[in-house]
């Protein structure tokens, strides 16, 4: 009897030990999967995110972004943004090149022509688009850019384009200076090209690819990386723990994921278009080509009386379009008084005792380069960072100024960024105390042009949340957002960095950061309105005007 009892007791003990061992093994495996590779509950066999909590309306299936767990307010905002940006491009089937929009056959006319206009008056222009057979287009969807300018006065402003979806477009201008004012309209892309760009955005978001180098001792391997990857091979999961921003690399064959040492742009996919599609992207034919006027392309504008001018200024609010104009090569915002920082001492006086953080892409790195070149006392401290990548630091010890630049986290098409320097803007903002002597400027847009808009919306949502928290704890912190800008385009650049893509990003940026207490440097209008050719990195005169606006927010005119 006692022998049986001891046998039963021994069996129970062994069963308990075995249960504990199995439990430990399972927990270890789960932790390993979470740490080294991608869990099946996080990414499916096609490399897309999966969540058991599916809410809202499905959008672009890329990376499972339609399965994000969002609050009701966030889902409504995202749906509203995507709906507002859905261009009404009719599905007319394959269109031969000769039936596509031809800028040389198209024309515009000034509708409300008069002997003269007063400053502040509205000018309306009708654009009629025709094909290469000089036949009127019956549908819309073309991407146009328009501006008014006076070359002798170095003056310019942008116009608002309305698509009537029948081959006709209206452009509305506000006449903001006196003199002879000329109208210019350009076809950036025909509607047939826009359909191709739309397809690439939805179906080929990985047409720019990235890589990382993994190294341990004498062994090194390079693998491909992106926002998401097909699970053809094991993946390294580098998703940010705090923001949830996804990033993956194919796992090296011999090295652990922890051996990653850098990130760099791998290249651009080739052969994206058929021969028929390529015809819609020809330099000198249908990319950023002027549309001529069928009559006079200019009007005469006379000054308003002083009382009328004062009333005009009082009527201009924060939502004014256009936001400003150039006059004598100086940007004149319509909703606040700008200061001109023409002397380095003016900049030093403004930034004295301040810490200035510049976060984002190379378009805001230009601000760092301009300030360190223009202000002699602001001396760059050599951190040994890769050129054009950063991070960068400049100090003016005499006036107690600290200027910092850091690029945003992936996706970023820089040459080589050390893994330890891949910081997300939202996380950087969370580490800033803030206060009246703290200035933050952010530009995040150009490296998101190839991805579906959901990817960009998610990034801005994280940054906005961090900005709001910063302003909550330190309301006197100055936060400035630099918008996107137009750039030079050719057949290849159009497929990756088209102004049409960047216009969408710019629209999302403005809507998401409105009403939260940040300032906006309107680089989009400041590029389009200027007479110089469009560039990703605008010429110095435009950058100088951007800095005048930025510094005017930091050190406004006393009233």
Protein backbone atom coordinates (compact mmCIF):
# COMPACT_ATOMS: atom_id res chain seq x y z
CA UNK A 1 0.00 0.00 0.00
CA UNK A 2 2.77 2.46 0.98
CA UNK A 3 4.76 1.49 -2.12
CA UNK A 4 1.77 2.36 -4.35
CA UNK A 5 1.34 5.68 -2.58
CA UNK A 6 5.02 6.64 -3.14
CA UNK A 7 4.77 5.62 -6.83
CA UNK A 8 1.71 7.85 -7.31
CA UNK A 9 3.43 10.74 -5.54
CA UNK A 10 6.56 10.35 -7.70
CA UNK A 11 4.44 10.31 -10.89
CA UNK A 12 2.66 13.55 -9.89
CA UNK A 13 5.98 15.28 -9.20
CA UNK A 14 7.39 14.23 -12.57
CA UNK A 15 4.22 15.43 -14.33
CA UNK A 16 4.47 18.84 -12.59
CA UNK A 17 8.15 19.22 -13.56
CA UNK A 18 7.36 18.30 -17.17
CA UNK A 19 4.54 20.88 -17.29
CA UNK A 20 6.87 23.63 -16.04
CA UNK A 21 9.55 22.69 -18.61
CA UNK A 22 7.04 22.83 -21.50
CA UNK A 23 5.73 26.19 -20.30
CA UNK A 24 9.25 27.65 -20.10
CA UNK A 25 10.09 26.41 -23.62
CA UNK A 26 6.93 27.96 -25.07
CA UNK A 27 7.55 31.31 -23.37
CA UNK A 28 11.16 31.31 -24.62
CA UNK A 29 10.03 30.59 -28.18
CA UNK A 30 7.48 33.41 -28.08
CA UNK A 31 10.10 35.83 -26.78
CA UNK A 32 12.57 34.72 -29.44
CA UNK A 33 10.03 35.21 -32.23
CA UNK A 34 9.19 38.66 -30.96
CA UNK A 35 12.84 39.61 -30.67
CA UNK A 36 14.48 38.05 -33.74
CA UNK A 37 11.83 37.41 -36.37
CA UNK A 38 8.32 38.48 -37.21
CA UNK A 39 5.45 36.87 -35.38
CA UNK A 40 2.75 35.26 -37.53
CA UNK A 41 0.19 37.37 -35.71
CA UNK A 42 2.04 40.51 -36.87
CA UNK A 43 2.79 39.72 -40.50
CA UNK A 44 1.24 37.23 -42.85
CA UNK A 45 2.79 35.20 -45.64
CA UNK A 46 2.71 38.16 -48.02
CA UNK A 47 4.55 40.44 -45.60
CA UNK A 48 1.47 42.41 -44.53
CA UNK A 49 0.49 43.35 -41.01
CA UNK A 50 -2.33 41.41 -39.43
CA UNK A 51 -4.29 42.30 -36.32
CA UNK A 52 -7.25 40.62 -34.72
CA UNK A 53 -8.72 44.06 -33.99
CA UNK A 54 -9.92 45.27 -37.37
CA UNK A 55 -11.82 48.53 -37.28
CA UNK A 56 -13.09 51.01 -39.82
CA UNK A 57 -13.11 50.87 -43.59
CA UNK A 58 -10.41 49.02 -45.52
CA UNK A 59 -8.13 51.24 -47.56
CA UNK A 60 -4.86 50.45 -49.31
CA UNK A 61 -3.87 46.89 -48.33
CA UNK A 62 -0.14 47.71 -48.36
CA UNK A 63 1.48 46.33 -45.20
CA UNK A 64 -1.94 45.77 -43.69
CA UNK A 65 -2.33 49.48 -42.97
CA UNK A 66 -6.08 49.05 -43.36
CA UNK A 67 -5.94 46.87 -40.24
CA UNK A 68 -4.44 49.51 -37.96
CA UNK A 69 -6.11 49.76 -34.60
CA UNK A 70 -7.20 53.39 -34.54
CA UNK A 71 -9.50 55.37 -32.33
CA UNK A 72 -12.80 56.41 -33.83
CA UNK A 73 -11.49 59.96 -34.23
CA UNK A 74 -8.26 58.81 -35.90
CA UNK A 75 -10.17 56.53 -38.29
CA UNK A 76 -12.56 59.33 -39.21
CA UNK A 77 -9.66 61.71 -39.82
CA UNK A 78 -7.82 59.21 -42.01
CA UNK A 79 -10.94 58.43 -44.03
CA UNK A 80 -11.60 62.14 -44.47
CA UNK A 81 -8.04 62.79 -45.68
CA UNK A 82 -8.06 59.90 -48.14
CA UNK A 83 -11.48 60.81 -49.48
CA UNK A 84 -10.48 64.45 -50.00
CA UNK A 85 -7.44 63.39 -52.02
CA UNK A 86 -9.15 60.89 -54.27
CA UNK A 87 -8.91 62.59 -57.66
CA UNK A 88 -11.85 62.01 -59.96
CA UNK A 89 -9.92 60.33 -62.75
CA UNK A 90 -12.46 58.46 -64.90
CA UNK A 91 -11.65 54.91 -65.88
CA UNK A 92 -11.81 55.39 -69.65
CA UNK A 93 -9.68 52.36 -70.39
CA UNK A 94 -6.43 52.42 -72.37
CA UNK A 95 -5.86 55.78 -74.02
CA UNK A 96 -3.48 56.08 -77.01
CA UNK A 97 -0.84 58.79 -76.76
CA UNK A 98 -2.43 60.95 -79.45
CA UNK A 99 -5.63 61.11 -77.38
CA UNK A 100 -3.80 62.22 -74.25
CA UNK A 101 -3.52 65.82 -73.02
CA UNK A 102 -1.26 68.00 -75.17
CA UNK A 103 -0.04 71.23 -73.53
CA UNK A 104 0.96 72.73 -76.89
CA UNK A 105 -2.60 72.30 -78.27
CA UNK A 106 -4.28 73.45 -75.05
CA UNK A 107 -4.86 77.10 -74.20
CA UNK A 108 -6.14 79.47 -71.54
CA UNK A 109 -8.13 82.72 -71.64
CA UNK A 110 -8.59 85.46 -69.05
CA UNK A 111 -12.33 85.52 -68.30
CA UNK A 112 -12.98 88.72 -66.38
CA UNK A 113 -10.84 90.95 -68.58
CA UNK A 114 -10.97 94.68 -67.88
CA UNK A 115 -9.02 97.84 -68.60
CA UNK A 116 -7.48 97.56 -65.17
CA UNK A 117 -7.85 95.76 -61.86
CA UNK A 118 -7.30 96.97 -58.32
CA UNK A 119 -4.90 95.30 -55.90
CA UNK A 120 -6.86 92.63 -54.04
CA UNK A 121 -9.19 91.89 -56.98
CA UNK A 122 -9.83 88.35 -58.20
CA UNK A 123 -8.64 87.23 -61.62
CA UNK A 124 -10.28 84.22 -63.28
CA UNK A 125 -8.65 82.17 -66.01
CA UNK A 126 -10.27 79.36 -68.02
CA UNK A 127 -8.03 76.54 -69.25
CA UNK A 128 -9.19 74.29 -72.10
CA UNK A 129 -7.19 71.07 -72.49
CA UNK A 130 -6.97 69.34 -75.87
CA UNK A 131 -5.26 66.20 -77.13
CA UNK A 132 -2.48 65.79 -79.70
CA UNK A 133 -5.09 65.73 -82.46
CA UNK A 134 -6.32 69.13 -81.26
CA UNK A 135 -9.59 67.60 -80.12
CA UNK A 136 -11.14 68.81 -76.84
CA UNK A 137 -10.68 66.49 -73.87
CA UNK A 138 -13.98 65.24 -72.43
CA UNK A 139 -12.67 64.34 -68.97
CA UNK A 140 -10.41 65.92 -66.35
CA UNK A 141 -7.70 64.70 -64.00
CA UNK A 142 -4.76 66.67 -65.46
CA UNK A 143 -2.37 68.13 -62.89
CA UNK A 144 -1.84 71.85 -63.54
CA UNK A 145 0.24 74.50 -61.79
CA UNK A 146 -0.41 78.21 -62.24
CA UNK A 147 1.06 81.50 -61.10
CA UNK A 148 0.97 85.22 -61.78
CA UNK A 149 4.22 87.18 -61.95
CA UNK A 150 5.87 90.47 -62.84
CA UNK A 151 9.49 89.76 -63.85
CA UNK A 152 10.69 93.36 -63.59
CA UNK A 153 9.32 93.60 -60.05
CA UNK A 154 10.55 90.08 -59.11
CA UNK A 155 6.98 89.46 -57.95
CA UNK A 156 4.91 86.28 -58.06
CA UNK A 157 2.02 84.36 -56.48
CA UNK A 158 0.27 81.04 -57.07
CA UNK A 159 -3.27 80.35 -58.27
CA UNK A 160 -5.95 77.89 -57.18
CA UNK A 161 -6.95 75.36 -59.86
CA UNK A 162 -10.46 73.88 -60.05
CA UNK A 163 -11.07 70.80 -62.22
CA UNK A 164 -14.53 70.66 -63.82
CA UNK A 165 -13.96 67.07 -65.01
CA UNK A 166 -14.79 67.87 -68.63
CA UNK A 167 -11.49 69.14 -70.02
CA UNK A 168 -12.05 72.64 -68.62
CA UNK A 169 -10.27 74.09 -65.61
CA UNK A 170 -10.60 77.40 -63.82
CA UNK A 171 -7.72 79.13 -62.09
CA UNK A 172 -8.41 81.79 -59.47
CA UNK A 173 -5.77 84.41 -58.64
CA UNK A 174 -5.68 87.23 -56.12
CA UNK A 175 -3.90 90.28 -57.56
CA UNK A 176 -1.57 91.39 -54.78
CA UNK A 177 0.66 94.10 -56.29
CA UNK A 178 0.29 96.91 -58.83
CA UNK A 179 1.76 96.90 -62.34
CA UNK A 180 1.71 94.60 -65.35
CA UNK A 181 0.87 91.10 -64.12
CA UNK A 182 1.36 88.06 -66.38
CA UNK A 183 -0.43 84.71 -66.11
CA UNK A 184 1.45 81.40 -66.53
CA UNK A 185 -0.15 77.94 -66.60
CA UNK A 186 1.73 74.64 -66.87
CA UNK A 187 0.70 71.04 -67.42
CA UNK A 188 2.75 69.04 -64.92
CA UNK A 189 1.25 65.66 -65.91
CA UNK A 190 -1.61 64.67 -68.22
CA UNK A 191 -4.51 62.79 -66.65
CA UNK A 192 -3.30 59.65 -68.42
CA UNK A 193 0.06 60.00 -66.63
CA UNK A 194 -1.70 60.61 -63.31
CA UNK A 195 -3.48 57.28 -63.67
CA UNK A 196 -0.08 55.60 -64.08
CA UNK A 197 1.32 57.41 -61.02
CA UNK A 198 -1.73 56.40 -59.03
CA UNK A 199 -1.24 52.76 -60.02
CA UNK A 200 2.44 52.88 -59.01
CA UNK A 201 1.57 54.42 -55.64
CA UNK A 202 -0.92 51.64 -54.91
CA UNK A 203 0.77 48.62 -56.52
CA UNK A 204 4.52 49.42 -56.51
CA UNK A 205 5.29 51.23 -53.24
CA UNK A 206 8.58 49.34 -52.95
CA UNK A 207 10.01 50.81 -56.19
CA UNK A 208 12.61 52.53 -54.00
CA UNK A 209 14.39 49.85 -51.99
CA UNK A 210 16.69 50.08 -48.99
CA UNK A 211 19.47 47.95 -47.53
CA UNK A 212 21.35 47.42 -44.29
CA UNK A 213 24.79 46.05 -43.54
CA UNK A 214 25.13 43.45 -40.79
CA UNK A 215 28.58 42.74 -39.38
CA UNK A 216 30.15 40.68 -36.64
CA UNK A 217 33.90 40.24 -36.58
CA UNK A 218 35.06 39.35 -40.08
CA UNK A 219 31.63 38.27 -41.25
CA UNK A 220 29.38 40.81 -42.99
CA UNK A 221 26.13 40.50 -44.94
CA UNK A 222 23.87 43.02 -46.71
CA UNK A 223 20.12 42.47 -46.96
CA UNK A 224 17.14 44.40 -48.31
CA UNK A 225 14.87 46.43 -46.00
CA UNK A 226 11.58 48.29 -46.23
CA UNK A 227 8.40 49.28 -44.43
CA UNK A 228 7.29 45.72 -45.02
CA UNK A 229 8.69 42.74 -46.90
CA UNK A 230 7.27 39.46 -48.24
CA UNK A 231 8.00 36.64 -45.85
CA UNK A 232 9.85 34.57 -48.40
CA UNK A 233 12.77 34.45 -45.96
CA UNK A 234 13.04 35.05 -42.21
CA UNK A 235 12.75 38.72 -41.28
CA UNK A 236 14.36 40.99 -38.72
CA UNK A 237 11.74 43.11 -37.01
CA UNK A 238 13.03 46.64 -36.33
CA UNK A 239 9.61 48.12 -35.59
CA UNK A 240 10.01 51.05 -33.19
CA UNK A 241 8.83 50.07 -29.71
CA UNK A 242 7.46 53.51 -28.82
CA UNK A 243 5.82 54.78 -32.02
CA UNK A 244 5.01 51.42 -33.60
CA UNK A 245 6.59 52.60 -36.87
CA UNK A 246 7.26 49.39 -38.85
CA UNK A 247 10.62 48.57 -40.43
CA UNK A 248 11.94 45.18 -41.54
CA UNK A 249 15.04 43.65 -43.12
CA UNK A 250 15.60 40.17 -44.48
CA UNK A 251 17.47 38.26 -41.79
CA UNK A 252 21.14 37.55 -42.62
CA UNK A 253 21.96 33.90 -43.16
CA UNK A 254 24.83 33.76 -40.64
CA UNK A 255 24.36 36.79 -38.39
CA UNK A 256 21.80 37.82 -35.79
CA UNK A 257 19.49 40.79 -36.31
CA UNK A 258 21.32 42.65 -33.55
CA UNK A 259 24.44 42.92 -35.75
CA UNK A 260 22.94 45.60 -38.04
CA UNK A 261 25.30 48.58 -38.29
CA UNK A 262 23.80 50.89 -40.92
CA UNK A 263 20.99 51.82 -43.31
CA UNK A 264 21.26 53.10 -46.87
CA UNK A 265 19.29 53.58 -50.08
CA UNK A 266 19.59 50.49 -52.24
CA UNK A 267 18.32 52.00 -55.47
CA UNK A 268 15.35 52.50 -57.75
CA UNK A 269 13.49 49.77 -59.60
CA UNK A 270 13.73 49.89 -63.38
CA UNK A 271 11.28 48.87 -66.08
CA UNK A 272 8.22 50.08 -64.21
CA UNK A 273 6.32 51.24 -67.31
CA UNK A 274 5.21 49.77 -70.59
CA UNK A 275 6.16 51.55 -73.81
CA UNK A 276 2.64 52.98 -74.04
CA UNK A 277 2.79 54.31 -70.46
CA UNK A 278 6.25 55.82 -71.00
CA UNK A 279 4.79 58.07 -73.71
CA UNK A 280 2.92 59.98 -70.99
CA UNK A 281 6.23 60.96 -69.35
CA UNK A 282 8.34 62.82 -71.90
CA UNK A 283 10.51 65.84 -71.14
CA UNK A 284 9.76 68.69 -73.49
CA UNK A 285 6.41 67.12 -74.43
CA UNK A 286 4.10 66.58 -71.45
CA UNK A 287 6.10 67.05 -68.20
CA UNK A 288 5.90 70.57 -66.74
CA UNK A 289 5.17 72.16 -70.10
CA UNK A 290 3.61 75.63 -70.51
CA UNK A 291 0.08 76.11 -71.79
CA UNK A 292 -0.18 79.22 -73.95
CA UNK A 293 -2.85 81.89 -73.94
CA UNK A 294 -5.26 82.29 -76.86
CA UNK A 295 -5.36 86.05 -76.17
CA UNK A 296 -3.66 88.50 -73.83
CA UNK A 297 -1.85 86.75 -70.98
CA UNK A 298 -1.47 89.83 -68.80
CA UNK A 299 -3.54 92.47 -66.99
CA UNK A 300 -2.86 95.90 -65.52
CA UNK A 301 -3.27 96.29 -61.77
CA UNK A 302 -3.54 99.67 -60.02
CA UNK A 303 -3.10 100.42 -56.29
CA UNK A 304 -6.06 100.67 -53.96
CA UNK A 305 -6.75 103.75 -51.93
CA UNK A 306 -5.23 103.71 -48.43
CA UNK A 307 -8.57 103.06 -46.70
CA UNK A 308 -9.36 100.17 -49.05
CA UNK A 309 -5.88 98.70 -48.49
CA UNK A 310 -6.36 98.75 -44.70
CA UNK A 311 -9.71 97.00 -45.04
CA UNK A 312 -8.13 94.41 -47.32
CA UNK A 313 -5.41 93.63 -44.75
CA UNK A 314 -7.96 93.32 -41.94
CA UNK A 315 -10.01 90.82 -43.96
CA UNK A 316 -7.12 88.40 -44.42
CA UNK A 317 -7.23 85.46 -42.03
CA UNK A 318 -5.07 82.44 -41.28
CA UNK A 319 -6.78 80.40 -44.01
CA UNK A 320 -6.00 82.94 -46.70
CA UNK A 321 -5.09 81.71 -50.18
CA UNK A 322 -2.55 82.39 -51.43
CA UNK A 323 -0.61 82.57 -48.17
CA UNK A 324 1.72 85.22 -49.59
CA UNK A 325 3.54 86.56 -52.62
CA UNK A 326 6.97 87.71 -53.73
CA UNK A 327 7.73 91.38 -54.31
CA UNK A 328 11.26 92.53 -55.13
CA UNK A 329 12.36 88.97 -54.38
CA UNK A 330 11.09 89.15 -50.81
CA UNK A 331 8.28 86.94 -49.53
CA UNK A 332 5.29 88.86 -48.18
CA UNK A 333 2.98 86.68 -46.06
CA UNK A 334 -0.63 87.83 -45.98
CA UNK A 335 -1.53 86.90 -42.40
CA UNK A 336 1.42 88.22 -40.35
CA UNK A 337 4.19 90.81 -40.49
CA UNK A 338 7.51 89.39 -41.63
CA UNK A 339 10.93 90.62 -40.58
CA UNK A 340 13.92 90.74 -42.91
CA UNK A 341 17.04 89.13 -41.42
CA UNK A 342 19.51 90.59 -43.90
CA UNK A 343 22.39 90.91 -41.44
CA UNK A 344 24.01 88.08 -39.43
CA UNK A 345 23.70 90.20 -36.29
CA UNK A 346 19.90 90.19 -36.71
CA UNK A 347 19.90 86.39 -36.69
CA UNK A 348 22.24 86.25 -33.68
CA UNK A 349 20.07 88.67 -31.73
CA UNK A 350 16.99 86.58 -32.48
CA UNK A 351 18.53 83.21 -31.54
CA UNK A 352 20.51 84.40 -28.52
CA UNK A 353 20.18 82.01 -25.52
CA UNK A 354 18.13 79.58 -27.60
CA UNK A 355 18.36 75.89 -28.49
CA UNK A 356 17.16 75.21 -32.03
CA UNK A 357 16.27 71.67 -33.12
CA UNK A 358 15.93 70.88 -36.84
CA UNK A 359 14.38 67.48 -37.56
CA UNK A 360 13.67 65.88 -40.92
CA UNK A 361 14.94 65.48 -44.44
CA UNK A 362 17.55 67.31 -46.50
CA UNK A 363 15.23 70.25 -47.23
CA UNK A 364 15.47 71.35 -43.60
CA UNK A 365 19.14 70.44 -43.48
CA UNK A 366 19.45 73.35 -45.92
CA UNK A 367 18.41 75.63 -43.05
CA UNK A 368 21.29 74.34 -40.94
CA UNK A 369 23.71 74.87 -43.84
CA UNK A 370 22.41 78.38 -44.54
CA UNK A 371 22.59 79.50 -40.90
CA UNK A 372 26.10 78.14 -40.29
CA UNK A 373 27.30 79.82 -43.51
CA UNK A 374 25.51 83.15 -42.99
CA UNK A 375 26.23 83.64 -39.27
CA UNK A 376 30.03 83.70 -38.63
CA UNK A 377 29.77 83.14 -34.87
CA UNK A 378 27.68 80.00 -35.35
CA UNK A 379 30.48 77.44 -35.67
CA UNK A 380 29.80 73.85 -36.65
CA UNK A 381 31.18 71.28 -34.22
CA UNK A 382 32.64 68.25 -35.98
CA UNK A 383 30.81 65.16 -34.74
CA UNK A 384 32.41 62.96 -37.38
CA UNK A 385 29.02 62.39 -38.98
CA UNK A 386 28.71 61.36 -42.64
CA UNK A 387 28.44 64.34 -44.98
CA UNK A 388 24.86 65.28 -45.94
CA UNK A 389 23.53 62.82 -43.33
CA UNK A 390 24.31 64.06 -39.83
CA UNK A 391 23.59 64.49 -37.04
CA UNK A 392 25.10 67.99 -37.07
CA UNK A 393 25.75 70.47 -34.28
CA UNK A 394 26.69 74.16 -34.33
CA UNK A 395 27.46 76.41 -31.35
CA UNK A 396 27.79 80.14 -30.73
CA UNK A 397 29.38 80.21 -27.26
CA UNK A 398 29.47 83.99 -27.08
CA UNK A 399 25.72 84.34 -27.54
CA UNK A 400 24.73 80.98 -26.06
CA UNK A 401 23.15 79.52 -29.21
CA UNK A 402 22.90 75.80 -29.87
CA UNK A 403 21.75 74.56 -33.31
CA UNK A 404 21.11 70.87 -33.97
CA UNK A 405 20.08 68.87 -37.04
CA UNK A 406 19.01 65.23 -37.11
CA UNK A 407 17.41 63.26 -39.96
CA UNK A 408 14.13 61.43 -39.45
CA UNK A 409 13.81 57.67 -39.15
CA UNK A 410 13.31 55.29 -42.09
CA UNK A 411 12.21 55.31 -44.83
CA UNK A 412 15.01 57.72 -45.74
CA UNK A 413 16.97 57.68 -49.01
CA UNK A 414 20.31 58.86 -47.63
CA UNK A 415 23.59 57.23 -48.60
CA UNK A 416 24.58 55.71 -45.24
CA UNK A 417 23.05 56.27 -41.81
CA UNK A 418 24.44 54.40 -38.80
CA UNK A 419 21.80 52.25 -37.12
CA UNK A 420 22.40 54.03 -33.83
CA UNK A 421 21.42 57.31 -35.52
CA UNK A 422 18.09 56.10 -36.90
CA UNK A 423 15.90 58.15 -34.57
CA UNK A 424 12.21 58.85 -35.07
CA UNK A 425 11.16 62.50 -34.76
CA UNK A 426 8.36 61.68 -32.31
CA UNK A 427 10.81 60.01 -29.93
CA UNK A 428 13.20 62.97 -30.17
CA UNK A 429 10.37 65.38 -29.35
CA UNK A 430 9.44 63.32 -26.31
CA UNK A 431 12.96 63.89 -24.96
CA UNK A 432 12.79 67.71 -25.23
CA UNK A 433 11.88 69.67 -22.09
CA UNK A 434 10.88 72.77 -24.07
CA UNK A 435 10.31 76.33 -22.92
CA UNK A 436 10.55 79.90 -24.16
CA UNK A 437 14.16 79.39 -25.32
CA UNK A 438 13.43 76.19 -27.24
CA UNK A 439 12.68 76.20 -30.98
CA UNK A 440 11.74 73.13 -33.01
CA UNK A 441 11.46 72.95 -36.82
CA UNK A 442 10.28 69.84 -38.66
CA UNK A 443 10.26 68.83 -42.35
CA UNK A 444 9.16 65.26 -43.12
CA UNK A 445 7.81 64.60 -46.62
CA UNK A 446 10.20 63.93 -49.53
CA UNK A 447 11.08 60.31 -48.61
CA UNK A 448 7.42 59.26 -48.40
CA UNK A 449 6.43 60.07 -51.99
CA UNK A 450 6.52 56.46 -53.22
CA UNK A 451 4.33 55.02 -50.45
CA UNK A 452 0.55 54.92 -50.05
CA UNK A 453 -0.73 57.90 -48.06
CA UNK A 454 -1.56 55.70 -45.05
CA UNK A 455 2.18 55.33 -44.39
CA UNK A 456 2.64 59.11 -44.28
CA UNK A 457 -0.51 59.70 -42.23
CA UNK A 458 0.73 57.27 -39.60
CA UNK A 459 4.11 59.03 -39.39
CA UNK A 460 2.51 62.46 -39.03
CA UNK A 461 0.05 61.16 -36.45
CA UNK A 462 2.95 60.05 -34.23
CA UNK A 463 4.81 63.34 -34.72
CA UNK A 464 1.67 65.39 -34.05
CA UNK A 465 0.98 63.49 -30.84
CA UNK A 466 4.51 64.27 -29.63
CA UNK A 467 4.17 67.94 -30.66
CA UNK A 468 0.91 68.30 -28.74
CA UNK A 469 2.48 66.74 -25.66
CA UNK A 470 5.49 69.06 -25.95
CA UNK A 471 3.27 72.14 -26.19
CA UNK A 472 1.13 70.88 -23.28
CA UNK A 473 4.10 70.64 -20.94
CA UNK A 474 5.90 73.72 -22.35
CA UNK A 475 3.42 76.06 -24.07
CA UNK A 476 6.04 78.70 -24.84
CA UNK A 477 8.02 76.33 -27.08
CA UNK A 478 8.03 77.49 -30.71
CA UNK A 479 7.23 74.66 -33.15
CA UNK A 480 7.50 75.30 -36.90
CA UNK A 481 6.54 72.95 -39.73
CA UNK A 482 8.17 73.33 -43.14
CA UNK A 483 5.89 72.14 -45.94
CA UNK A 484 6.82 70.22 -49.09
CA UNK A 485 8.01 71.98 -52.23
CA UNK A 486 7.89 71.49 -56.00
CA UNK A 487 10.97 70.14 -57.74
CA UNK A 488 12.51 69.47 -61.12
CA UNK A 489 10.98 66.52 -62.97
CA UNK A 490 12.04 64.23 -65.78
CA UNK A 491 10.65 60.90 -67.01
CA UNK A 492 12.34 58.89 -64.24
CA UNK A 493 12.04 61.38 -61.37
CA UNK A 494 8.29 61.66 -62.06
CA UNK A 495 7.81 58.01 -61.10
CA UNK A 496 9.37 58.47 -57.66
CA UNK A 497 9.12 62.14 -56.67
CA UNK A 498 6.41 63.71 -58.80
CA UNK A 499 4.94 67.04 -57.69
CA UNK A 500 1.60 65.24 -57.82
CA UNK A 501 2.77 62.87 -55.06
CA UNK A 502 4.24 65.72 -53.05
CA UNK A 503 1.11 67.84 -53.44
CA UNK A 504 -0.84 65.04 -51.74
CA UNK A 505 1.70 64.87 -48.91
CA UNK A 506 1.59 68.64 -48.55
CA UNK A 507 -2.22 68.62 -48.34
CA UNK A 508 -2.17 65.93 -45.64
CA UNK A 509 0.52 67.79 -43.68
CA UNK A 510 -1.44 71.06 -43.61
CA UNK A 511 -4.68 69.42 -42.54
CA UNK A 512 -3.13 67.30 -39.79
CA UNK A 513 -1.16 70.16 -38.22
CA UNK A 514 -3.86 72.82 -38.39
CA UNK A 515 -5.26 74.17 -35.14
CA UNK A 516 -2.66 72.74 -32.72
CA UNK A 517 -0.54 75.85 -32.16
CA UNK A 518 2.29 75.31 -34.63
CA UNK A 519 3.59 77.70 -37.29
CA UNK A 520 3.83 76.90 -41.00
CA UNK A 521 6.56 77.89 -43.44
CA UNK A 522 4.79 77.60 -46.79
CA UNK A 523 7.67 76.23 -48.87
CA UNK A 524 5.19 74.92 -51.45
CA UNK A 525 3.92 78.35 -52.44
CA UNK A 526 7.34 79.93 -51.98
CA UNK A 527 8.74 77.54 -54.60
CA UNK A 528 5.86 77.72 -57.10
CA UNK A 529 5.55 81.51 -56.93
CA UNK A 530 9.24 82.19 -57.60
CA UNK A 531 10.76 82.73 -61.02
CA UNK A 532 13.66 80.32 -60.48
CA UNK A 533 13.39 76.71 -61.74
CA UNK A 534 11.89 74.21 -59.34
CA UNK A 535 14.42 72.17 -57.35
CA UNK A 536 14.22 69.65 -54.54
CA UNK A 537 16.74 71.87 -52.76
CA UNK A 538 15.66 75.42 -53.69
CA UNK A 539 18.23 78.10 -54.49
CA UNK A 540 19.63 80.29 -51.72
CA UNK A 541 17.28 83.24 -52.32
CA UNK A 542 14.27 81.00 -51.63
CA UNK A 543 15.92 79.39 -48.59
CA UNK A 544 16.73 82.87 -47.27
CA UNK A 545 13.05 83.81 -47.53
CA UNK A 546 12.08 80.60 -45.74
CA UNK A 547 14.46 81.48 -42.91
CA UNK A 548 13.02 85.02 -42.73
CA UNK A 549 9.58 83.50 -42.15
CA UNK A 550 10.94 80.97 -39.64
CA UNK A 551 12.86 83.60 -37.65
CA UNK A 552 9.83 85.92 -37.74
CA UNK A 553 7.91 83.22 -35.88
CA UNK A 554 10.72 82.87 -33.36
CA UNK A 555 11.17 86.63 -32.91
CA UNK A 556 7.99 88.37 -34.09
CA UNK A 557 7.73 92.10 -34.60
CA UNK A 558 6.64 93.91 -31.45
CA UNK A 559 3.15 95.35 -31.77
